[in-house]
ModelCIF file with pLDDT and N, C-alpha, C, O atoms, coordinates in Angstrom:
data_MODEL
#
_entry.id   MODEL 
#
_entity.id                         1 
_entity.type                       polymer 
_entity.pdbx_number_of_molecules   1 
#
_entity_poly.entity_id                      1 
_entity_poly.type                           'polypeptide(L)' 
_entity_poly.nstd_linkage                   no 
_entity_poly.nstd_monomer                   no 
_entity_poly.pdbx_seq_one_letter_code       CWQVMNAGTMWVFVADAPSQAADIGSRMFPPRLGYLPEL 
_entity_poly.pdbx_seq_one_letter_code_can   CWQVMNAGTMWVFVADAPSQAADIGSRMFPPRLGYLPEL 
_entity_poly.pdbx_strand_id                 A 
#
loop_
_entity_poly_seq.entity_id 
_entity_poly_seq.num 
_entity_poly_seq.mon_id 
_entity_poly_seq.hetero 
1 1  CYS n 
1 2  TRP n 
1 3  GLN n 
1 4  VAL n 
1 5  MET n 
1 6  ASN n 
1 7  ALA n 
1 8  GLY n 
1 9  THR n 
1 10 MET n 
1 11 TRP n 
1 12 VAL n 
1 13 PHE n 
1 14 VAL n 
1 15 ALA n 
1 16 ASP n 
1 17 ALA n 
1 18 PRO n 
1 19 SER n 
1 20 GLN n 
1 21 ALA n 
1 22 ALA n 
1 23 ASP n 
1 24 ILE n 
1 25 GLY n 
1 26 SER n 
1 27 ARG n 
1 28 MET n 
1 29 PHE n 
1 30 PRO n 
1 31 PRO n 
1 32 ARG n 
1 33 LEU n 
1 34 GLY n 
1 35 TYR n 
1 36 LEU n 
1 37 PRO n 
1 38 GLU n 
1 39 LEU n 
#
_struct_asym.id          A 
_struct_asym.entity_id   1 
#
loop_
_ma_qa_metric.id 
_ma_qa_metric.mode 
_ma_qa_metric.name 
_ma_qa_metric.software_group_id 
_ma_qa_metric.type 
1 global pLDDT . pLDDT 
2 local  pLDDT . pLDDT 
#
_ma_qa_metric_global.metric_id      1 
_ma_qa_metric_global.metric_value   80.38 
_ma_qa_metric_global.model_id       1 
_ma_qa_metric_global.ordinal_id     1 
#
loop_
_ma_qa_metric_local.label_asym_id 
_ma_qa_metric_local.label_comp_id 
_ma_qa_metric_local.label_seq_id 
_ma_qa_metric_local.metric_id 
_ma_qa_metric_local.metric_value 
_ma_qa_metric_local.model_id 
_ma_qa_metric_local.ordinal_id 
A CYS 1  2 85.00 1 1  
A TRP 2  2 83.00 1 2  
A GLN 3  2 83.00 1 3  
A VAL 4  2 81.00 1 4  
A MET 5  2 78.00 1 5  
A ASN 6  2 78.00 1 6  
A ALA 7  2 75.00 1 7  
A GLY 8  2 70.00 1 8  
A THR 9  2 73.00 1 9  
A MET 10 2 75.00 1 10 
A TRP 11 2 72.00 1 11 
A VAL 12 2 74.00 1 12 
A PHE 13 2 74.00 1 13 
A VAL 14 2 73.00 1 14 
A ALA 15 2 77.00 1 15 
A ASP 16 2 75.00 1 16 
A ALA 17 2 77.00 1 17 
A PRO 18 2 83.00 1 18 
A SER 19 2 83.00 1 19 
A GLN 20 2 80.00 1 20 
A ALA 21 2 82.00 1 21 
A ALA 22 2 84.00 1 22 
A ASP 23 2 80.00 1 23 
A ILE 24 2 80.00 1 24 
A GLY 25 2 80.00 1 25 
A SER 26 2 84.00 1 26 
A ARG 27 2 83.00 1 27 
A MET 28 2 83.00 1 28 
A PHE 29 2 84.00 1 29 
A PRO 30 2 84.00 1 30 
A PRO 31 2 83.00 1 31 
A ARG 32 2 83.00 1 32 
A LEU 33 2 83.00 1 33 
A GLY 34 2 84.00 1 34 
A TYR 35 2 83.00 1 35 
A LEU 36 2 85.00 1 36 
A PRO 37 2 87.00 1 37 
A GLU 38 2 87.00 1 38 
A LEU 39 2 87.00 1 39 
#
loop_
_atom_site.group_PDB 
_atom_site.id 
_atom_site.type_symbol 
_atom_site.label_atom_id 
_atom_site.label_alt_id 
_atom_site.label_comp_id 
_atom_site.label_asym_id 
_atom_site.label_entity_id 
_atom_site.label_seq_id 
_atom_site.pdbx_PDB_ins_code 
_atom_site.Cartn_x 
_atom_site.Cartn_y 
_atom_site.Cartn_z 
_atom_site.occupancy 
_atom_site.B_iso_or_equiv 
_atom_site.pdbx_formal_charge 
_atom_site.auth_seq_id 
_atom_site.auth_comp_id 
_atom_site.auth_asym_id 
_atom_site.auth_atom_id 
_atom_site.pdbx_PDB_model_num 
ATOM 1   N N  . CYS A 1 1  ? -22.450 -0.209  11.788  1.00 85.00 ? 1  CYS A N  1 
ATOM 2   C CA . CYS A 1 1  ? -21.210 -0.662  11.509  1.00 85.00 ? 1  CYS A CA 1 
ATOM 3   C C  . CYS A 1 1  ? -20.403 0.456   10.598  1.00 85.00 ? 1  CYS A C  1 
ATOM 4   O O  . CYS A 1 1  ? -19.183 0.592   10.681  1.00 85.00 ? 1  CYS A O  1 
ATOM 5   N N  . TRP A 1 2  ? -21.272 1.270   9.682   1.00 83.00 ? 2  TRP A N  1 
ATOM 6   C CA . TRP A 1 2  ? -20.663 2.229   8.984   1.00 83.00 ? 2  TRP A CA 1 
ATOM 7   C C  . TRP A 1 2  ? -20.213 3.502   9.874   1.00 83.00 ? 2  TRP A C  1 
ATOM 8   O O  . TRP A 1 2  ? -19.235 4.185   9.570   1.00 83.00 ? 2  TRP A O  1 
ATOM 9   N N  . GLN A 1 3  ? -20.999 3.742   10.966  1.00 83.00 ? 3  GLN A N  1 
ATOM 10  C CA . GLN A 1 3  ? -20.615 4.842   11.967  1.00 83.00 ? 3  GLN A CA 1 
ATOM 11  C C  . GLN A 1 3  ? -19.318 4.556   12.625  1.00 83.00 ? 3  GLN A C  1 
ATOM 12  O O  . GLN A 1 3  ? -18.437 5.403   12.772  1.00 83.00 ? 3  GLN A O  1 
ATOM 13  N N  . VAL A 1 4  ? -19.235 3.234   13.040  1.00 81.00 ? 4  VAL A N  1 
ATOM 14  C CA . VAL A 1 4  ? -18.044 2.765   13.738  1.00 81.00 ? 4  VAL A CA 1 
ATOM 15  C C  . VAL A 1 4  ? -16.818 2.862   12.831  1.00 81.00 ? 4  VAL A C  1 
ATOM 16  O O  . VAL A 1 4  ? -15.748 3.271   13.280  1.00 81.00 ? 4  VAL A O  1 
ATOM 17  N N  . MET A 1 5  ? -16.964 2.496   11.584  1.00 78.00 ? 5  MET A N  1 
ATOM 18  C CA . MET A 1 5  ? -15.882 2.489   10.665  1.00 78.00 ? 5  MET A CA 1 
ATOM 19  C C  . MET A 1 5  ? -15.406 4.046   10.442  1.00 78.00 ? 5  MET A C  1 
ATOM 20  O O  . MET A 1 5  ? -14.208 4.325   10.416  1.00 78.00 ? 5  MET A O  1 
ATOM 21  N N  . ASN A 1 6  ? -16.328 4.940   10.300  1.00 78.00 ? 6  ASN A N  1 
ATOM 22  C CA . ASN A 1 6  ? -16.058 6.311   10.022  1.00 78.00 ? 6  ASN A CA 1 
ATOM 23  C C  . ASN A 1 6  ? -15.397 6.953   11.128  1.00 78.00 ? 6  ASN A C  1 
ATOM 24  O O  . ASN A 1 6  ? -14.581 7.857   10.944  1.00 78.00 ? 6  ASN A O  1 
ATOM 25  N N  . ALA A 1 7  ? -15.768 6.454   12.463  1.00 75.00 ? 7  ALA A N  1 
ATOM 26  C CA . ALA A 1 7  ? -15.109 7.060   13.544  1.00 75.00 ? 7  ALA A CA 1 
ATOM 27  C C  . ALA A 1 7  ? -13.752 6.851   13.628  1.00 75.00 ? 7  ALA A C  1 
ATOM 28  O O  . ALA A 1 7  ? -13.052 7.695   14.188  1.00 75.00 ? 7  ALA A O  1 
ATOM 29  N N  . GLY A 1 8  ? -13.225 5.748   13.108  1.00 70.00 ? 8  GLY A N  1 
ATOM 30  C CA . GLY A 1 8  ? -11.729 5.325   13.253  1.00 70.00 ? 8  GLY A CA 1 
ATOM 31  C C  . GLY A 1 8  ? -10.992 5.295   11.853  1.00 70.00 ? 8  GLY A C  1 
ATOM 32  O O  . GLY A 1 8  ? -9.964  4.655   11.630  1.00 70.00 ? 8  GLY A O  1 
ATOM 33  N N  . THR A 1 9  ? -11.677 6.089   10.940  1.00 73.00 ? 9  THR A N  1 
ATOM 34  C CA . THR A 1 9  ? -10.948 6.093   9.527   1.00 73.00 ? 9  THR A CA 1 
ATOM 35  C C  . THR A 1 9  ? -10.758 7.551   9.127   1.00 73.00 ? 9  THR A C  1 
ATOM 36  O O  . THR A 1 9  ? -11.648 8.401   9.126   1.00 73.00 ? 9  THR A O  1 
ATOM 37  N N  . MET A 1 10 ? -9.373  7.746   8.757   1.00 75.00 ? 10 MET A N  1 
ATOM 38  C CA . MET A 1 10 ? -9.008  9.057   8.269   1.00 75.00 ? 10 MET A CA 1 
ATOM 39  C C  . MET A 1 10 ? -9.158  8.984   6.746   1.00 75.00 ? 10 MET A C  1 
ATOM 40  O O  . MET A 1 10 ? -8.385  8.300   6.075   1.00 75.00 ? 10 MET A O  1 
ATOM 41  N N  . TRP A 1 11 ? -10.168 9.702   6.198   1.00 72.00 ? 11 TRP A N  1 
ATOM 42  C CA . TRP A 1 11 ? -10.482 9.528   4.766   1.00 72.00 ? 11 TRP A CA 1 
ATOM 43  C C  . TRP A 1 11 ? -9.409  10.210  3.880   1.00 72.00 ? 11 TRP A C  1 
ATOM 44  O O  . TRP A 1 11 ? -9.269  9.915   2.693   1.00 72.00 ? 11 TRP A O  1 
ATOM 45  N N  . VAL A 1 12 ? -8.610  11.196  4.562   1.00 74.00 ? 12 VAL A N  1 
ATOM 46  C CA . VAL A 1 12 ? -7.618  11.680  3.756   1.00 74.00 ? 12 VAL A CA 1 
ATOM 47  C C  . VAL A 1 12 ? -6.552  10.666  3.386   1.00 74.00 ? 12 VAL A C  1 
ATOM 48  O O  . VAL A 1 12 ? -6.079  10.645  2.249   1.00 74.00 ? 12 VAL A O  1 
ATOM 49  N N  . PHE A 1 13 ? -6.229  9.954   4.192   1.00 74.00 ? 13 PHE A N  1 
ATOM 50  C CA . PHE A 1 13 ? -5.329  8.718   3.808   1.00 74.00 ? 13 PHE A CA 1 
ATOM 51  C C  . PHE A 1 13 ? -5.978  7.755   2.778   1.00 74.00 ? 13 PHE A C  1 
ATOM 52  O O  . PHE A 1 13 ? -5.326  7.255   1.862   1.00 74.00 ? 13 PHE A O  1 
ATOM 53  N N  . VAL A 1 14 ? -7.205  7.540   2.964   1.00 73.00 ? 14 VAL A N  1 
ATOM 54  C CA . VAL A 1 14 ? -7.926  6.622   2.004   1.00 73.00 ? 14 VAL A CA 1 
ATOM 55  C C  . VAL A 1 14 ? -7.914  7.269   0.631   1.00 73.00 ? 14 VAL A C  1 
ATOM 56  O O  . VAL A 1 14 ? -7.710  6.552   -0.348  1.00 73.00 ? 14 VAL A O  1 
ATOM 57  N N  . ALA A 1 15 ? -8.115  8.555   0.489   1.00 77.00 ? 15 ALA A N  1 
ATOM 58  C CA . ALA A 1 15 ? -8.109  9.247   -0.834  1.00 77.00 ? 15 ALA A CA 1 
ATOM 59  C C  . ALA A 1 15 ? -6.681  9.209   -1.343  1.00 77.00 ? 15 ALA A C  1 
ATOM 60  O O  . ALA A 1 15 ? -6.525  9.320   -2.559  1.00 77.00 ? 15 ALA A O  1 
ATOM 61  N N  . ASP A 1 16 ? -5.635  9.067   -0.574  1.00 75.00 ? 16 ASP A N  1 
ATOM 62  C CA . ASP A 1 16 ? -4.343  9.085   -1.051  1.00 75.00 ? 16 ASP A CA 1 
ATOM 63  C C  . ASP A 1 16 ? -3.743  7.794   -1.339  1.00 75.00 ? 16 ASP A C  1 
ATOM 64  O O  . ASP A 1 16 ? -2.620  7.672   -1.828  1.00 75.00 ? 16 ASP A O  1 
ATOM 65  N N  . ALA A 1 17 ? -4.665  6.641   -0.964  1.00 77.00 ? 17 ALA A N  1 
ATOM 66  C CA . ALA A 1 17 ? -4.259  5.261   -1.058  1.00 77.00 ? 17 ALA A CA 1 
ATOM 67  C C  . ALA A 1 17 ? -3.761  4.866   -2.461  1.00 77.00 ? 17 ALA A C  1 
ATOM 68  O O  . ALA A 1 17 ? -2.673  4.304   -2.589  1.00 77.00 ? 17 ALA A O  1 
ATOM 69  N N  . PRO A 1 18 ? -4.567  5.164   -3.542  1.00 83.00 ? 18 PRO A N  1 
ATOM 70  C CA . PRO A 1 18 ? -4.281  4.690   -4.896  1.00 83.00 ? 18 PRO A CA 1 
ATOM 71  C C  . PRO A 1 18 ? -2.773  5.185   -5.291  1.00 83.00 ? 18 PRO A C  1 
ATOM 72  O O  . PRO A 1 18 ? -1.931  4.433   -5.782  1.00 83.00 ? 18 PRO A O  1 
ATOM 73  N N  . SER A 1 19 ? -2.583  6.453   -5.023  1.00 83.00 ? 19 SER A N  1 
ATOM 74  C CA . SER A 1 19 ? -1.147  6.971   -5.450  1.00 83.00 ? 19 SER A CA 1 
ATOM 75  C C  . SER A 1 19 ? -0.140  6.356   -4.579  1.00 83.00 ? 19 SER A C  1 
ATOM 76  O O  . SER A 1 19 ? 0.959   6.153   -5.097  1.00 83.00 ? 19 SER A O  1 
ATOM 77  N N  . GLN A 1 20 ? -0.298  6.037   -3.416  1.00 80.00 ? 20 GLN A N  1 
ATOM 78  C CA . GLN A 1 20 ? 0.675   5.338   -2.475  1.00 80.00 ? 20 GLN A CA 1 
ATOM 79  C C  . GLN A 1 20 ? 0.926   3.887   -2.849  1.00 80.00 ? 20 GLN A C  1 
ATOM 80  O O  . GLN A 1 20 ? 2.040   3.374   -2.747  1.00 80.00 ? 20 GLN A O  1 
ATOM 81  N N  . ALA A 1 21 ? -0.232  3.195   -3.318  1.00 82.00 ? 21 ALA A N  1 
ATOM 82  C CA . ALA A 1 21 ? -0.120  1.843   -3.893  1.00 82.00 ? 21 ALA A CA 1 
ATOM 83  C C  . ALA A 1 21 ? 0.605   1.820   -5.159  1.00 82.00 ? 21 ALA A C  1 
ATOM 84  O O  . ALA A 1 21 ? 1.314   0.855   -5.445  1.00 82.00 ? 21 ALA A O  1 
ATOM 85  N N  . ALA A 1 22 ? 0.469   2.832   -5.942  1.00 84.00 ? 22 ALA A N  1 
ATOM 86  C CA . ALA A 1 22 ? 1.200   2.891   -7.267  1.00 84.00 ? 22 ALA A CA 1 
ATOM 87  C C  . ALA A 1 22 ? 2.520   3.170   -7.039  1.00 84.00 ? 22 ALA A C  1 
ATOM 88  O O  . ALA A 1 22 ? 3.348   2.658   -7.793  1.00 84.00 ? 22 ALA A O  1 
ATOM 89  N N  . ASP A 1 23 ? 2.905   3.933   -6.082  1.00 80.00 ? 23 ASP A N  1 
ATOM 90  C CA . ASP A 1 23 ? 4.334   4.259   -5.741  1.00 80.00 ? 23 ASP A CA 1 
ATOM 91  C C  . ASP A 1 23 ? 5.047   2.935   -5.227  1.00 80.00 ? 23 ASP A C  1 
ATOM 92  O O  . ASP A 1 23 ? 6.122   2.546   -5.685  1.00 80.00 ? 23 ASP A O  1 
ATOM 93  N N  . ILE A 1 24 ? 4.382   2.327   -4.292  1.00 80.00 ? 24 ILE A N  1 
ATOM 94  C CA . ILE A 1 24 ? 5.073   1.122   -3.800  1.00 80.00 ? 24 ILE A CA 1 
ATOM 95  C C  . ILE A 1 24 ? 5.210   -0.094  -4.955  1.00 80.00 ? 24 ILE A C  1 
ATOM 96  O O  . ILE A 1 24 ? 6.177   -0.855  -4.995  1.00 80.00 ? 24 ILE A O  1 
ATOM 97  N N  . GLY A 1 25 ? 4.205   -0.139  -5.778  1.00 80.00 ? 25 GLY A N  1 
ATOM 98  C CA . GLY A 1 25 ? 4.187   -1.084  -6.861  1.00 80.00 ? 25 GLY A CA 1 
ATOM 99  C C  . GLY A 1 25 ? 5.349   -0.770  -7.776  1.00 80.00 ? 25 GLY A C  1 
ATOM 100 O O  . GLY A 1 25 ? 6.064   -1.687  -8.180  1.00 80.00 ? 25 GLY A O  1 
ATOM 101 N N  . SER A 1 26 ? 5.577   0.543   -8.135  1.00 84.00 ? 26 SER A N  1 
ATOM 102 C CA . SER A 1 26 ? 6.602   0.899   -8.889  1.00 84.00 ? 26 SER A CA 1 
ATOM 103 C C  . SER A 1 26 ? 7.996   0.521   -8.377  1.00 84.00 ? 26 SER A C  1 
ATOM 104 O O  . SER A 1 26 ? 8.902   0.135   -9.115  1.00 84.00 ? 26 SER A O  1 
ATOM 105 N N  . ARG A 1 27 ? 8.089   0.668   -7.035  1.00 83.00 ? 27 ARG A N  1 
ATOM 106 C CA . ARG A 1 27 ? 9.475   0.263   -6.279  1.00 83.00 ? 27 ARG A CA 1 
ATOM 107 C C  . ARG A 1 27 ? 9.627   -1.137  -6.312  1.00 83.00 ? 27 ARG A C  1 
ATOM 108 O O  . ARG A 1 27 ? 10.760  -1.579  -6.125  1.00 83.00 ? 27 ARG A O  1 
ATOM 109 N N  . MET A 1 28 ? 8.614   -1.984  -6.533  1.00 83.00 ? 28 MET A N  1 
ATOM 110 C CA . MET A 1 28 ? 8.772   -3.485  -6.381  1.00 83.00 ? 28 MET A CA 1 
ATOM 111 C C  . MET A 1 28 ? 9.276   -4.058  -7.699  1.00 83.00 ? 28 MET A C  1 
ATOM 112 O O  . MET A 1 28 ? 9.699   -5.214  -7.688  1.00 83.00 ? 28 MET A O  1 
ATOM 113 N N  . PHE A 1 29 ? 9.273   -3.401  -8.766  1.00 84.00 ? 29 PHE A N  1 
ATOM 114 C CA . PHE A 1 29 ? 9.781   -3.836  -10.042 1.00 84.00 ? 29 PHE A CA 1 
ATOM 115 C C  . PHE A 1 29 ? 10.883  -3.039  -10.567 1.00 84.00 ? 29 PHE A C  1 
ATOM 116 O O  . PHE A 1 29 ? 10.926  -1.810  -10.512 1.00 84.00 ? 29 PHE A O  1 
ATOM 117 N N  . PRO A 1 30 ? 11.760  -3.786  -11.073 1.00 84.00 ? 30 PRO A N  1 
ATOM 118 C CA . PRO A 1 30 ? 11.960  -5.153  -11.288 1.00 84.00 ? 30 PRO A CA 1 
ATOM 119 C C  . PRO A 1 30 ? 12.247  -6.061  -9.873  1.00 84.00 ? 30 PRO A C  1 
ATOM 120 O O  . PRO A 1 30 ? 12.933  -5.565  -8.979  1.00 84.00 ? 30 PRO A O  1 
ATOM 121 N N  . PRO A 1 31 ? 11.776  -7.177  -9.764  1.00 83.00 ? 31 PRO A N  1 
ATOM 122 C CA . PRO A 1 31 ? 12.077  -7.946  -8.452  1.00 83.00 ? 31 PRO A CA 1 
ATOM 123 C C  . PRO A 1 31 ? 13.552  -8.361  -8.428  1.00 83.00 ? 31 PRO A C  1 
ATOM 124 O O  . PRO A 1 31 ? 14.178  -8.823  -9.382  1.00 83.00 ? 31 PRO A O  1 
ATOM 125 N N  . ARG A 1 32 ? 14.007  -8.127  -7.201  1.00 83.00 ? 32 ARG A N  1 
ATOM 126 C CA . ARG A 1 32 ? 15.429  -8.562  -7.022  1.00 83.00 ? 32 ARG A CA 1 
ATOM 127 C C  . ARG A 1 32 ? 15.687  -10.132 -6.915  1.00 83.00 ? 32 ARG A C  1 
ATOM 128 O O  . ARG A 1 32 ? 15.716  -10.728 -5.838  1.00 83.00 ? 32 ARG A O  1 
ATOM 129 N N  . LEU A 1 33 ? 15.868  -10.726 -8.150  1.00 83.00 ? 33 LEU A N  1 
ATOM 130 C CA . LEU A 1 33 ? 16.143  -12.034 -8.348  1.00 83.00 ? 33 LEU A CA 1 
ATOM 131 C C  . LEU A 1 33 ? 17.270  -12.563 -7.684  1.00 83.00 ? 33 LEU A C  1 
ATOM 132 O O  . LEU A 1 33 ? 17.306  -13.763 -7.412  1.00 83.00 ? 33 LEU A O  1 
ATOM 133 N N  . GLY A 1 34 ? 18.368  -11.657 -7.338  1.00 84.00 ? 34 GLY A N  1 
ATOM 134 C CA . GLY A 1 34 ? 19.564  -12.138 -6.759  1.00 84.00 ? 34 GLY A CA 1 
ATOM 135 C C  . GLY A 1 34 ? 19.484  -12.493 -5.335  1.00 84.00 ? 34 GLY A C  1 
ATOM 136 O O  . GLY A 1 34 ? 20.374  -13.036 -4.681  1.00 84.00 ? 34 GLY A O  1 
ATOM 137 N N  . TYR A 1 35 ? 18.222  -12.099 -4.890  1.00 83.00 ? 35 TYR A N  1 
ATOM 138 C CA . TYR A 1 35 ? 17.828  -12.377 -3.401  1.00 83.00 ? 35 TYR A CA 1 
ATOM 139 C C  . TYR A 1 35 ? 17.395  -13.785 -3.194  1.00 83.00 ? 35 TYR A C  1 
ATOM 140 O O  . TYR A 1 35 ? 17.307  -14.238 -2.053  1.00 83.00 ? 35 TYR A O  1 
ATOM 141 N N  . LEU A 1 36 ? 17.086  -14.590 -4.384  1.00 85.00 ? 36 LEU A N  1 
ATOM 142 C CA . LEU A 1 36 ? 16.488  -15.942 -4.228  1.00 85.00 ? 36 LEU A CA 1 
ATOM 143 C C  . LEU A 1 36 ? 17.313  -16.775 -3.335  1.00 85.00 ? 36 LEU A C  1 
ATOM 144 O O  . LEU A 1 36 ? 16.737  -17.402 -2.445  1.00 85.00 ? 36 LEU A O  1 
ATOM 145 N N  . PRO A 1 37 ? 18.645  -16.863 -3.468  1.00 87.00 ? 37 PRO A N  1 
ATOM 146 C CA . PRO A 1 37 ? 19.424  -17.790 -2.610  1.00 87.00 ? 37 PRO A CA 1 
ATOM 147 C C  . PRO A 1 37 ? 19.232  -17.660 -1.093  1.00 87.00 ? 37 PRO A C  1 
ATOM 148 O O  . PRO A 1 37 ? 19.288  -18.645 -0.357  1.00 87.00 ? 37 PRO A O  1 
ATOM 149 N N  . GLU A 1 38 ? 19.020  -16.508 -0.680  1.00 87.00 ? 38 GLU A N  1 
ATOM 150 C CA . GLU A 1 38 ? 18.714  -16.247 0.731   1.00 87.00 ? 38 GLU A CA 1 
ATOM 151 C C  . GLU A 1 38 ? 17.429  -16.588 1.212   1.00 87.00 ? 38 GLU A C  1 
ATOM 152 O O  . GLU A 1 38 ? 17.084  -16.396 2.378   1.00 87.00 ? 38 GLU A O  1 
ATOM 153 N N  . LEU A 1 39 ? 16.670  -17.121 0.286   1.00 87.00 ? 39 LEU A N  1 
ATOM 154 C CA . LEU A 1 39 ? 15.155  -17.333 0.482   1.00 87.00 ? 39 LEU A CA 1 
ATOM 155 C C  . LEU A 1 39 ? 14.981  -18.979 0.719   1.00 87.00 ? 39 LEU A C  1 
ATOM 156 O O  . LEU A 1 39 ? 13.864  -19.461 0.907   1.00 87.00 ? 39 LEU A O  1 
#
């Protein structure tokens, strides 16, 4: 299973995942509460 996972995984993107998650998380806040009526 590890070999199959490594064959289809680009570890460059995995290494960059924490910074990407932090960037998206910073863009989520503050939430747009004015969007609530549309939901």
